[in-house]
Amino acid sequence: MAFSNSNTKKITILLFITIWSGAVFWAGWQSPNIIGGPFSAVEDEVISAKFYPLDKFVISVPGDDYPHYLLLEMAFKSRSKNVETTIKQADPVIRNSLMKMFSKKHFNELNDAQQFESLQKEAHLLLTNVLAENEFSIELDDVLFTRMVIQ
C-alpha cells in the first residue's frame, strides 16, 4: 500500500510541528544559559564595612584644679571605597575638629562612663559634617573609640 500524497504531507507537517515544538521548548528552557544577560540571576554585590584606625593623639582637657590629658585612639567604620586615602588627606581637619571638640569638654564629663556613647555620636556627627564641608566624599558608618585614657 503506497502512501498517498496527502498522507505524506500530513506526516511531514506533523513531524515539522513536533520538531518545532521541541526546539522552542528546549530554547526556552536553555535561554538563560544561551543568552545570559538579563535572564541570568544577578546577585547584588554586598559591600562589607571595613575599619580604618587613626593614629593616637593626646588632647589637653580642662579640669577643676589643673589640666588633664586625654589619650585617644579611634577607628572609622565605612563602606566607601576610597576611605584610606581620604583619611590620609583629611587627617589635619579630622584631628583639628576632634581637638576642638574634646578641649571644650570638662574632665568630669569625659571621665563619666555614661557619656561614652554620646561622645562617639557627637564625634561621628562632627566628623561627617567636617568631611562634607571640606568636600571629602566618604560616608562614615560609625566612629569608634578604641582606647580612651584620661589622666
N, C-alpha and C. Protein backbone atom coordinates (compact mmCIF):
# COMPACT_ATOMS: atom_id res chain seq x y z
N MET A 1 0.84 -1.14 0.00
CA MET A 1 0.00 0.00 0.00
C MET A 1 0.90 1.23 0.00
N ALA A 2 0.69 2.03 -0.92
CA ALA A 2 1.51 3.23 -1.08
C ALA A 2 0.84 4.39 -0.38
N PHE A 3 1.69 5.24 0.16
CA PHE A 3 1.14 6.41 0.83
C PHE A 3 0.66 7.38 -0.22
N SER A 4 -0.42 7.96 0.09
CA SER A 4 -0.91 8.98 -0.84
C SER A 4 -0.20 10.28 -0.56
N ASN A 5 -0.28 11.14 -1.48
CA ASN A 5 0.39 12.44 -1.39
C ASN A 5 -0.12 13.24 -0.21
N SER A 6 -1.40 13.15 0.11
CA SER A 6 -1.95 13.93 1.23
C SER A 6 -1.50 13.37 2.58
N ASN A 7 -1.34 12.03 2.68
CA ASN A 7 -0.85 11.43 3.93
C ASN A 7 0.61 11.81 4.18
N THR A 8 1.40 11.89 3.14
CA THR A 8 2.80 12.28 3.26
C THR A 8 2.90 13.72 3.73
N LYS A 9 2.03 14.57 3.20
CA LYS A 9 2.03 15.98 3.63
C LYS A 9 1.62 16.08 5.09
N LYS A 10 0.64 15.30 5.51
CA LYS A 10 0.17 15.34 6.90
C LYS A 10 1.27 14.87 7.86
N ILE A 11 1.95 13.80 7.47
CA ILE A 11 3.02 13.27 8.31
C ILE A 11 4.18 14.27 8.37
N THR A 12 4.49 14.88 7.24
CA THR A 12 5.57 15.88 7.20
C THR A 12 5.23 17.08 8.06
N ILE A 13 3.99 17.57 7.97
CA ILE A 13 3.56 18.71 8.78
C ILE A 13 3.56 18.34 10.26
N LEU A 14 3.07 17.15 10.59
CA LEU A 14 3.05 16.69 11.98
C LEU A 14 4.47 16.55 12.53
N LEU A 15 5.35 16.01 11.72
CA LEU A 15 6.75 15.87 12.12
C LEU A 15 7.40 17.24 12.31
N PHE A 16 7.11 18.15 11.40
CA PHE A 16 7.65 19.52 11.49
C PHE A 16 7.15 20.22 12.77
N ILE A 17 5.86 20.11 13.07
CA ILE A 17 5.29 20.74 14.28
C ILE A 17 5.90 20.12 15.53
N THR A 18 6.12 18.83 15.54
CA THR A 18 6.71 18.15 16.71
C THR A 18 8.15 18.62 16.92
N ILE A 19 8.93 18.65 15.83
CA ILE A 19 10.32 19.09 15.95
C ILE A 19 10.36 20.56 16.33
N TRP A 20 9.50 21.38 15.75
CA TRP A 20 9.45 22.83 16.06
C TRP A 20 9.09 23.04 17.53
N SER A 21 8.10 22.35 18.02
CA SER A 21 7.69 22.48 19.43
C SER A 21 8.82 22.07 20.37
N GLY A 22 9.49 20.97 20.04
CA GLY A 22 10.61 20.52 20.86
C GLY A 22 11.74 21.54 20.87
N ALA A 23 12.03 22.11 19.70
CA ALA A 23 13.10 23.11 19.61
C ALA A 23 12.75 24.37 20.40
N VAL A 24 11.50 24.82 20.29
CA VAL A 24 11.07 26.02 21.03
C VAL A 24 11.11 25.74 22.53
N PHE A 25 10.64 24.59 22.95
CA PHE A 25 10.68 24.23 24.37
C PHE A 25 12.12 24.20 24.87
N TRP A 26 13.03 23.55 24.12
CA TRP A 26 14.43 23.46 24.52
C TRP A 26 15.07 24.84 24.57
N ALA A 27 14.82 25.69 23.58
CA ALA A 27 15.39 27.04 23.55
C ALA A 27 14.87 27.88 24.72
N GLY A 28 13.59 27.73 25.03
CA GLY A 28 13.03 28.45 26.18
C GLY A 28 13.63 27.99 27.49
N TRP A 29 13.83 26.68 27.59
CA TRP A 29 14.40 26.10 28.81
C TRP A 29 15.86 26.51 28.99
N GLN A 30 16.61 26.59 27.91
CA GLN A 30 18.04 26.88 27.95
C GLN A 30 18.38 28.36 27.73
N SER A 31 17.38 29.23 27.56
CA SER A 31 17.66 30.63 27.22
C SER A 31 18.57 31.35 28.23
N PRO A 32 18.44 31.14 29.53
CA PRO A 32 19.39 31.82 30.42
C PRO A 32 20.83 31.40 30.17
N ASN A 33 21.05 30.13 29.83
CA ASN A 33 22.41 29.66 29.55
C ASN A 33 22.90 30.14 28.20
N ILE A 34 22.00 30.17 27.22
CA ILE A 34 22.39 30.55 25.87
C ILE A 34 22.57 32.06 25.76
N ILE A 35 21.57 32.80 26.21
CA ILE A 35 21.57 34.26 26.05
C ILE A 35 22.32 34.94 27.19
N GLY A 36 22.09 34.48 28.42
CA GLY A 36 22.71 35.13 29.58
C GLY A 36 22.09 36.49 29.81
N GLY A 37 22.91 37.45 30.18
CA GLY A 37 22.48 38.85 30.34
C GLY A 37 21.31 39.01 31.28
N PRO A 38 20.21 39.60 30.77
CA PRO A 38 19.10 39.93 31.66
C PRO A 38 18.34 38.72 32.17
N PHE A 39 18.56 37.55 31.57
CA PHE A 39 17.85 36.36 32.01
C PHE A 39 18.59 35.61 33.10
N SER A 40 19.86 35.90 33.26
CA SER A 40 20.62 35.20 34.28
C SER A 40 20.44 35.88 35.63
N ALA A 41 20.52 35.10 36.67
CA ALA A 41 20.35 35.64 38.02
C ALA A 41 21.59 36.43 38.39
N VAL A 42 21.38 37.69 38.76
CA VAL A 42 22.49 38.55 39.15
C VAL A 42 22.31 38.90 40.62
N GLU A 43 23.31 38.58 41.40
CA GLU A 43 23.26 38.91 42.82
C GLU A 43 23.91 40.27 43.03
N ASP A 44 23.27 41.10 43.87
CA ASP A 44 23.84 42.39 44.19
C ASP A 44 25.13 42.20 44.98
N GLU A 45 26.11 43.00 44.64
CA GLU A 45 27.38 42.92 45.34
C GLU A 45 27.22 43.55 46.72
N VAL A 46 27.53 42.78 47.72
CA VAL A 46 27.43 43.26 49.09
C VAL A 46 28.79 43.84 49.49
N ILE A 47 28.77 45.12 49.79
CA ILE A 47 30.00 45.78 50.21
C ILE A 47 30.03 45.75 51.73
N SER A 48 30.99 45.04 52.27
CA SER A 48 31.07 44.94 53.72
C SER A 48 31.83 46.14 54.29
N ALA A 49 31.48 46.47 55.49
CA ALA A 49 32.13 47.59 56.17
C ALA A 49 33.54 47.20 56.58
N LYS A 50 34.42 48.17 56.50
CA LYS A 50 35.80 47.96 56.95
C LYS A 50 36.11 49.00 58.01
N PHE A 51 37.14 48.70 58.79
CA PHE A 51 37.54 49.58 59.88
C PHE A 51 38.89 50.20 59.55
N TYR A 52 38.99 51.50 59.80
CA TYR A 52 40.21 52.24 59.48
C TYR A 52 40.69 52.97 60.74
N PRO A 53 41.72 52.45 61.39
CA PRO A 53 42.21 53.09 62.62
C PRO A 53 42.98 54.38 62.31
N LEU A 54 42.86 55.32 63.21
CA LEU A 54 43.62 56.57 63.13
C LEU A 54 44.80 56.47 64.09
N ASP A 55 45.81 57.29 63.86
CA ASP A 55 46.91 57.36 64.81
C ASP A 55 46.39 57.95 66.12
N LYS A 56 46.96 57.50 67.23
CA LYS A 56 46.52 58.03 68.53
C LYS A 56 47.02 59.47 68.69
N PHE A 57 46.28 60.21 69.50
CA PHE A 57 46.72 61.56 69.80
C PHE A 57 46.31 61.95 71.21
N VAL A 58 47.01 62.95 71.72
CA VAL A 58 46.82 63.40 73.09
C VAL A 58 46.22 64.80 73.05
N ILE A 59 45.20 65.00 73.89
CA ILE A 59 44.49 66.28 73.94
C ILE A 59 44.50 66.78 75.37
N SER A 60 44.73 68.06 75.54
CA SER A 60 44.66 68.69 76.86
C SER A 60 43.19 68.99 77.17
N VAL A 61 42.77 68.57 78.38
CA VAL A 61 41.37 68.73 78.79
C VAL A 61 41.33 69.52 80.09
N PRO A 62 40.48 70.56 80.16
CA PRO A 62 40.41 71.33 81.41
C PRO A 62 39.80 70.52 82.56
N GLY A 63 40.32 70.76 83.76
CA GLY A 63 39.80 70.13 84.97
C GLY A 63 39.51 71.19 86.01
N ASP A 64 39.13 70.79 87.22
CA ASP A 64 38.82 71.74 88.28
C ASP A 64 40.07 72.46 88.76
N ASP A 65 41.11 71.72 89.11
CA ASP A 65 42.32 72.31 89.69
C ASP A 65 43.45 72.48 88.68
N TYR A 66 43.57 71.57 87.76
CA TYR A 66 44.67 71.60 86.80
C TYR A 66 44.22 70.89 85.52
N PRO A 67 44.94 71.11 84.43
CA PRO A 67 44.56 70.44 83.18
C PRO A 67 44.88 68.95 83.22
N HIS A 68 44.10 68.20 82.48
CA HIS A 68 44.28 66.76 82.36
C HIS A 68 44.63 66.44 80.91
N TYR A 69 45.01 65.20 80.69
CA TYR A 69 45.36 64.78 79.33
C TYR A 69 44.51 63.58 78.94
N LEU A 70 44.08 63.61 77.70
CA LEU A 70 43.27 62.55 77.15
C LEU A 70 44.05 61.88 76.02
N LEU A 71 44.28 60.58 76.16
CA LEU A 71 44.88 59.78 75.09
C LEU A 71 43.73 59.12 74.36
N LEU A 72 43.63 59.38 73.06
CA LEU A 72 42.50 58.88 72.29
C LEU A 72 43.00 58.09 71.07
N GLU A 73 42.49 56.87 70.96
CA GLU A 73 42.69 56.06 69.77
C GLU A 73 41.30 55.76 69.24
N MET A 74 41.16 55.88 67.93
CA MET A 74 39.84 55.69 67.35
C MET A 74 39.94 55.05 65.98
N ALA A 75 38.80 54.58 65.48
CA ALA A 75 38.72 53.99 64.16
C ALA A 75 37.41 54.41 63.51
N PHE A 76 37.45 54.46 62.18
CA PHE A 76 36.25 54.75 61.40
C PHE A 76 35.73 53.45 60.81
N LYS A 77 34.42 53.33 60.78
CA LYS A 77 33.78 52.21 60.11
C LYS A 77 33.09 52.78 58.88
N SER A 78 33.42 52.22 57.70
CA SER A 78 32.85 52.77 56.46
C SER A 78 32.76 51.70 55.39
N ARG A 79 31.82 51.91 54.46
CA ARG A 79 31.66 51.04 53.30
C ARG A 79 32.15 51.73 52.03
N SER A 80 32.57 52.96 52.13
CA SER A 80 33.06 53.71 50.97
C SER A 80 34.34 53.07 50.45
N LYS A 81 34.65 53.33 49.18
CA LYS A 81 35.79 52.67 48.56
C LYS A 81 37.11 53.40 48.78
N ASN A 82 37.09 54.68 48.92
CA ASN A 82 38.34 55.45 48.97
C ASN A 82 38.64 55.98 50.36
N VAL A 83 38.27 55.26 51.37
CA VAL A 83 38.38 55.75 52.75
C VAL A 83 39.84 55.95 53.18
N GLU A 84 40.68 54.98 52.90
CA GLU A 84 42.06 55.04 53.39
C GLU A 84 42.80 56.27 52.87
N THR A 85 42.70 56.54 51.58
CA THR A 85 43.38 57.71 51.02
C THR A 85 42.72 59.01 51.48
N THR A 86 41.42 59.00 51.61
CA THR A 86 40.71 60.19 52.06
C THR A 86 41.08 60.54 53.50
N ILE A 87 41.19 59.53 54.35
CA ILE A 87 41.57 59.78 55.75
C ILE A 87 42.97 60.41 55.81
N LYS A 88 43.88 59.91 55.00
CA LYS A 88 45.24 60.49 54.99
C LYS A 88 45.21 61.93 54.53
N GLN A 89 44.41 62.23 53.53
CA GLN A 89 44.32 63.60 53.03
C GLN A 89 43.61 64.51 54.03
N ALA A 90 42.60 63.98 54.70
CA ALA A 90 41.79 64.79 55.62
C ALA A 90 42.30 64.77 57.05
N ASP A 91 43.41 64.11 57.31
CA ASP A 91 43.93 63.96 58.67
C ASP A 91 44.03 65.29 59.44
N PRO A 92 44.54 66.37 58.84
CA PRO A 92 44.62 67.62 59.60
C PRO A 92 43.26 68.17 60.05
N VAL A 93 42.26 68.11 59.17
CA VAL A 93 40.94 68.64 59.57
C VAL A 93 40.25 67.70 60.55
N ILE A 94 40.50 66.40 60.43
CA ILE A 94 39.93 65.45 61.38
C ILE A 94 40.50 65.70 62.77
N ARG A 95 41.81 65.77 62.85
CA ARG A 95 42.46 66.00 64.15
C ARG A 95 42.08 67.35 64.76
N ASN A 96 42.06 68.36 63.92
CA ASN A 96 41.72 69.70 64.41
C ASN A 96 40.30 69.74 64.98
N SER A 97 39.37 69.17 64.26
CA SER A 97 37.99 69.19 64.75
C SER A 97 37.82 68.37 66.03
N LEU A 98 38.51 67.23 66.13
CA LEU A 98 38.43 66.44 67.35
C LEU A 98 39.11 67.14 68.53
N MET A 99 40.23 67.79 68.27
CA MET A 99 40.92 68.52 69.35
C MET A 99 40.02 69.65 69.86
N LYS A 100 39.35 70.35 68.96
CA LYS A 100 38.43 71.41 69.39
C LYS A 100 37.28 70.85 70.20
N MET A 101 36.72 69.74 69.74
CA MET A 101 35.59 69.14 70.43
C MET A 101 35.96 68.70 71.84
N PHE A 102 37.08 67.96 71.98
CA PHE A 102 37.45 67.42 73.28
C PHE A 102 38.03 68.48 74.21
N SER A 103 38.67 69.50 73.68
CA SER A 103 39.25 70.52 74.56
C SER A 103 38.16 71.38 75.20
N LYS A 104 36.95 71.35 74.66
CA LYS A 104 35.83 72.09 75.25
C LYS A 104 35.11 71.26 76.33
N LYS A 105 35.45 70.00 76.42
CA LYS A 105 34.82 69.12 77.41
C LYS A 105 35.58 69.22 78.74
N HIS A 106 34.86 69.10 79.81
CA HIS A 106 35.46 69.11 81.15
C HIS A 106 35.90 67.69 81.51
N PHE A 107 36.92 67.60 82.33
CA PHE A 107 37.46 66.32 82.78
C PHE A 107 36.37 65.41 83.34
N ASN A 108 35.48 65.95 84.17
CA ASN A 108 34.42 65.15 84.80
C ASN A 108 33.46 64.57 83.75
N GLU A 109 33.21 65.34 82.71
CA GLU A 109 32.32 64.87 81.64
C GLU A 109 32.95 63.71 80.87
N LEU A 110 34.24 63.80 80.61
CA LEU A 110 34.93 62.75 79.88
C LEU A 110 35.19 61.51 80.73
N ASN A 111 35.31 61.71 82.01
CA ASN A 111 35.60 60.61 82.93
C ASN A 111 34.35 59.80 83.27
N ASP A 112 33.19 60.27 82.87
CA ASP A 112 31.92 59.60 83.16
C ASP A 112 31.65 58.54 82.08
N ALA A 113 31.56 57.29 82.47
CA ALA A 113 31.34 56.19 81.52
C ALA A 113 29.99 56.28 80.84
N GLN A 114 29.04 56.97 81.48
CA GLN A 114 27.70 57.13 80.90
C GLN A 114 27.74 58.00 79.64
N GLN A 115 28.76 58.85 79.51
CA GLN A 115 28.86 59.79 78.39
C GLN A 115 29.58 59.20 77.17
N PHE A 116 30.11 58.01 77.31
CA PHE A 116 30.94 57.43 76.26
C PHE A 116 30.21 57.33 74.91
N GLU A 117 29.01 56.79 74.94
CA GLU A 117 28.24 56.63 73.69
C GLU A 117 27.86 57.97 73.08
N SER A 118 27.45 58.91 73.93
CA SER A 118 27.08 60.23 73.39
C SER A 118 28.29 60.95 72.80
N LEU A 119 29.48 60.72 73.37
CA LEU A 119 30.70 61.31 72.80
C LEU A 119 31.00 60.70 71.42
N GLN A 120 30.80 59.42 71.27
CA GLN A 120 31.01 58.78 69.97
C GLN A 120 30.03 59.33 68.93
N LYS A 121 28.78 59.48 69.32
CA LYS A 121 27.78 60.02 68.39
C LYS A 121 28.11 61.47 68.02
N GLU A 122 28.54 62.24 69.00
CA GLU A 122 28.92 63.64 68.75
C GLU A 122 30.12 63.70 67.79
N ALA A 123 31.11 62.85 68.01
CA ALA A 123 32.29 62.80 67.14
C ALA A 123 31.89 62.36 65.73
N HIS A 124 30.99 61.40 65.63
CA HIS A 124 30.52 60.93 64.32
C HIS A 124 29.83 62.06 63.55
N LEU A 125 28.94 62.75 64.21
CA LEU A 125 28.24 63.87 63.57
C LEU A 125 29.21 64.97 63.17
N LEU A 126 30.11 65.32 64.07
CA LEU A 126 31.11 66.35 63.80
C LEU A 126 31.97 65.99 62.60
N LEU A 127 32.49 64.78 62.58
CA LEU A 127 33.40 64.38 61.50
C LEU A 127 32.66 64.23 60.16
N THR A 128 31.43 63.77 60.21
CA THR A 128 30.63 63.69 58.97
C THR A 128 30.46 65.08 58.38
N ASN A 129 30.15 66.05 59.22
CA ASN A 129 29.97 67.43 58.75
C ASN A 129 31.28 68.04 58.26
N VAL A 130 32.36 67.81 59.01
CA VAL A 130 33.66 68.38 58.64
C VAL A 130 34.14 67.81 57.30
N LEU A 131 33.98 66.51 57.13
CA LEU A 131 34.40 65.89 55.86
C LEU A 131 33.56 66.41 54.69
N ALA A 132 32.26 66.59 54.91
CA ALA A 132 31.39 67.10 53.85
C ALA A 132 31.73 68.56 53.52
N GLU A 133 31.98 69.37 54.55
CA GLU A 133 32.32 70.78 54.33
C GLU A 133 33.62 70.93 53.54
N ASN A 134 34.54 70.00 53.75
CA ASN A 134 35.83 70.06 53.07
C ASN A 134 35.86 69.21 51.79
N GLU A 135 34.68 68.80 51.35
CA GLU A 135 34.49 68.08 50.09
C GLU A 135 35.24 66.75 50.00
N PHE A 136 35.27 66.03 51.12
CA PHE A 136 35.79 64.67 51.12
C PHE A 136 34.59 63.74 51.00
N SER A 137 34.59 62.92 49.97
CA SER A 137 33.39 62.13 49.65
C SER A 137 33.45 60.71 50.20
N ILE A 138 33.41 60.60 51.50
CA ILE A 138 33.28 59.28 52.13
C ILE A 138 32.11 59.35 53.11
N GLU A 139 31.53 58.21 53.33
CA GLU A 139 30.46 58.12 54.31
C GLU A 139 30.97 57.31 55.50
N LEU A 140 30.86 57.91 56.66
CA LEU A 140 31.26 57.21 57.89
C LEU A 140 30.04 56.51 58.46
N ASP A 141 30.11 55.20 58.60
CA ASP A 141 29.02 54.47 59.23
C ASP A 141 29.06 54.65 60.74
N ASP A 142 30.28 54.74 61.26
CA ASP A 142 30.43 54.86 62.71
C ASP A 142 31.82 55.37 63.05
N VAL A 143 31.92 56.02 64.20
CA VAL A 143 33.20 56.44 64.76
C VAL A 143 33.35 55.68 66.06
N LEU A 144 34.41 54.91 66.17
CA LEU A 144 34.62 54.07 67.34
C LEU A 144 35.83 54.54 68.13
N PHE A 145 35.67 54.70 69.42
CA PHE A 145 36.80 54.99 70.29
C PHE A 145 37.36 53.64 70.72
N THR A 146 38.55 53.32 70.26
CA THR A 146 39.12 52.02 70.58
C THR A 146 39.94 52.06 71.87
N ARG A 147 40.36 53.27 72.24
CA ARG A 147 41.10 53.42 73.51
C ARG A 147 40.97 54.87 73.94
N MET A 148 40.64 55.05 75.22
CA MET A 148 40.49 56.41 75.75
C MET A 148 41.00 56.41 77.20
N VAL A 149 42.11 57.10 77.41
CA VAL A 149 42.72 57.17 78.73
C VAL A 149 42.75 58.63 79.16
N ILE A 150 42.24 58.89 80.35
CA ILE A 150 42.22 60.27 80.88
C ILE A 150 43.06 60.30 82.14
N GLN A 151 44.04 61.25 82.18
CA GLN A 151 44.87 61.40 83.39
C GLN A 151 44.81 62.82 83.87
